[in-house]
Protein backbone atom coordinates (compact mmCIF):
# COMPACT_ATOMS: atom_id res chain seq x y z
CA UNK A 1 23.42 12.60 -17.00
CA UNK A 2 24.49 9.42 -16.36
CA UNK A 3 25.24 7.20 -13.53
CA UNK A 4 26.82 3.68 -13.07
CA UNK A 5 25.03 0.60 -11.67
CA UNK A 6 25.88 -3.22 -10.88
CA UNK A 7 24.61 -5.66 -13.12
CA UNK A 8 25.62 -9.14 -12.08
CA UNK A 9 28.61 -7.88 -10.30
CA UNK A 10 29.71 -5.75 -13.42
CA UNK A 11 29.19 -2.05 -13.55
CA UNK A 12 27.31 -0.84 -16.30
CA UNK A 13 26.89 2.91 -17.43
CA UNK A 14 23.11 4.47 -17.45
CA UNK A 15 22.86 7.57 -19.39
CA UNK A 16 20.04 10.05 -20.59
CA UNK A 17 17.78 8.42 -23.15
CA UNK A 18 17.68 9.60 -27.00
CA UNK A 19 14.39 11.32 -26.24
CA UNK A 20 16.10 13.37 -23.15
CA UNK A 21 14.42 11.58 -20.41
CA UNK A 22 16.62 10.71 -17.37
CA UNK A 23 14.20 7.92 -15.73
CA UNK A 24 16.60 5.05 -16.25
CA UNK A 25 19.34 7.14 -14.44
CA UNK A 26 17.18 8.06 -11.45
CA UNK A 27 15.89 4.45 -11.26
CA UNK A 28 19.44 3.07 -11.28
CA UNK A 29 20.57 5.88 -8.60
CA UNK A 30 17.41 4.87 -6.58
CA UNK A 31 18.34 1.26 -6.55
CA UNK A 32 22.20 1.86 -6.09
CA UNK A 33 20.86 4.22 -2.76
CA UNK A 34 19.45 1.12 -1.54
CA UNK A 35 22.16 -1.18 -1.79
CA UNK A 36 24.59 1.56 -0.08
CA UNK A 37 25.20 1.29 3.47
CA UNK A 38 24.33 4.37 5.56
CA UNK A 39 27.38 6.70 5.72
CA UNK A 40 29.17 4.60 3.00
CA UNK A 41 29.15 7.35 0.22
CA UNK A 42 31.82 10.08 0.48
CA UNK A 43 29.72 12.63 -0.99
CA UNK A 44 26.05 11.81 0.20
CA UNK A 45 26.58 10.49 4.03
CA UNK A 46 22.75 10.71 4.66
CA UNK A 47 22.07 8.12 1.74
CA UNK A 48 21.56 4.31 2.14
CA UNK A 49 20.38 1.84 4.99
CA UNK A 50 21.64 0.41 7.65
CA UNK A 51 21.41 -3.25 6.12
CA UNK A 52 23.66 -4.96 8.72
CA UNK A 53 22.23 -3.20 11.65
CA UNK A 54 18.86 -4.07 10.54
CA UNK A 55 19.41 -7.90 9.84
CA UNK A 56 21.36 -8.30 12.95
CA UNK A 57 18.98 -6.35 15.15
CA UNK A 58 15.93 -7.93 13.29
CA UNK A 59 14.60 -4.12 12.81
CA UNK A 60 13.30 -3.37 9.20
CA UNK A 61 15.00 0.14 7.92
CA UNK A 62 11.52 1.55 7.39
CA UNK A 63 12.47 4.96 8.24
CA UNK A 64 15.76 4.84 5.80
CA UNK A 65 13.61 3.40 3.12
CA UNK A 66 10.54 6.15 3.20
CA UNK A 67 13.57 8.92 3.47
CA UNK A 68 14.90 7.46 0.12
CA UNK A 69 11.74 7.47 -1.47
CA UNK A 70 11.18 10.85 -0.44
CA UNK A 71 14.49 12.14 -2.14
CA UNK A 72 13.77 10.29 -5.33
CA UNK A 73 9.86 10.92 -5.48
CA UNK A 74 10.54 14.37 -7.41
CA UNK A 75 12.21 12.85 -10.19
CA UNK A 76 9.45 10.35 -11.18
CA UNK A 77 5.81 11.05 -11.94
CA UNK A 78 5.00 8.95 -9.20
CA UNK A 79 6.88 6.67 -6.89
CA UNK A 80 5.92 4.61 -4.07
CA UNK A 81 8.03 2.09 -1.97
CA UNK A 82 5.96 -0.47 0.35
CA UNK A 83 6.86 -3.03 2.67
CA UNK A 84 5.51 -6.35 1.70
CA UNK A 85 7.35 -8.79 4.43
CA UNK A 86 8.78 -8.20 7.79
CA UNK A 87 11.43 -10.50 7.97
CA UNK A 88 13.42 -10.28 5.76
CA UNK A 89 12.46 -6.90 5.07
CA UNK A 90 11.25 -6.89 1.72
CA UNK A 91 9.95 -3.90 -0.43
CA UNK A 92 7.82 -3.38 -3.63
CA UNK A 93 8.81 -0.55 -5.66
CA UNK A 94 6.68 0.89 -8.09
CA UNK A 95 7.68 3.80 -10.34
CA UNK A 96 5.70 5.87 -13.01
CA UNK A 97 8.57 7.56 -15.04
CA UNK A 98 7.94 10.83 -16.62
CA UNK A 99 8.08 9.33 -20.17
CA UNK A 100 5.02 7.46 -19.20
CA UNK A 101 6.34 3.89 -18.43
CA UNK A 102 5.33 1.87 -15.36
CA UNK A 103 8.16 -0.17 -13.57
CA UNK A 104 7.81 -2.61 -10.91
CA UNK A 105 10.55 -4.52 -8.71
CA UNK A 106 11.17 -5.95 -5.17
CA UNK A 107 13.92 -5.11 -3.05
CA UNK A 108 15.34 -7.07 -0.39
CA UNK A 109 18.33 -5.83 1.86
CA UNK A 110 20.93 -8.34 2.38
CA UNK A 111 24.70 -8.24 3.31
CA UNK A 112 27.34 -10.20 1.44
CA UNK A 113 28.68 -13.55 2.59
CA UNK A 114 31.40 -15.83 1.71
CA UNK A 115 30.98 -19.49 0.61
CA UNK A 116 31.43 -20.34 4.35
CA UNK A 117 28.83 -18.32 5.39
CA UNK A 118 31.12 -15.61 6.97
CA UNK A 119 30.14 -11.95 6.34
CA UNK A 120 32.27 -9.91 3.98
CA UNK A 121 33.38 -6.77 5.31
CA UNK A 122 34.85 -3.83 3.72
CA UNK A 123 38.19 -2.17 4.30
CA UNK A 124 36.30 0.12 7.13
CA UNK A 125 35.44 -3.07 8.73
CA UNK A 126 31.52 -2.98 8.05
CA UNK A 127 29.79 -5.56 6.26
CA UNK A 128 28.64 -5.05 2.41
CA UNK A 129 25.15 -4.82 1.85
CA UNK A 130 24.06 -6.27 -1.38
CA UNK A 131 20.49 -6.07 -1.68
CA UNK A 132 18.58 -7.58 -4.17
CA UNK A 133 16.24 -6.43 -6.83
CA UNK A 134 14.18 -8.86 -8.12
CA UNK A 135 11.44 -8.63 -10.74
CA UNK A 136 12.62 -5.46 -12.64
CA UNK A 137 9.59 -5.67 -14.65
CA UNK A 138 8.77 -2.85 -17.18
CA UNK A 139 4.98 -2.51 -17.78
């Protein structure tokens, strides 16, 4: 199995590890799904979060984050996504992989802005969500 994920603006391939575990693939897919605008994927229209709407309306995307957790929970031994801050909405993600590793990271949905502070739009005219994942800490 393999997927692609953005690392500092560069796309990187993530594949099944030498022991046959897909933990890194599924974790990368989870993070990419949280970065995705709702309806942005041509294959999975139900994936992603309404990041722009959440920021503009000041309503955290809790439902969509919980839905994403439900979708990805079967791929890990344990997966919890819990909100730690309301504004900006900040989520702690804790994963216990099937290989036994524990991983913790923090996710903050944000949208991309130019150097002058203007929102950058996709070709379809929707703001581009560039949620950050900080503290990608294997333990």
